[in-house]
């Protein structure tokens, strides 16, 4: 079933969770293809966390990448994905969500800002 989300990013469950006093970090879970970097809502979560200066941990099934003493193959893949992220090409299942998130990103830091901050 399709989930109905609020009309603004700030009213979304993602923003509400990040605004909560108990939110100290964000865990951004990656897969082997770095596909979260191609999904508009996932990039929106990154933008919200960066905007709020909340530390972000990147994880794979092997563990939290940026907290390991040596960089694993998965960690190198994530870093490579972050270096080549193209937020303007990210997709959303609901076209209206994509438009809303694109507008939010443009108003907050722009797509170039997203690229600079996630690299």
Foldseek 3Di string as FASTA:
>chain_A
DDDDADPAPCRGPLNVVCPDPPQQEAEQEAEQVRLLLQALVSLLSVLSCVVVVHHYFYAYPVGTQVPDPDGDPSNVVNVVCLLPRQNVNHDYPDPSVNVNSQVVCCVRQHRVRSSVVSD
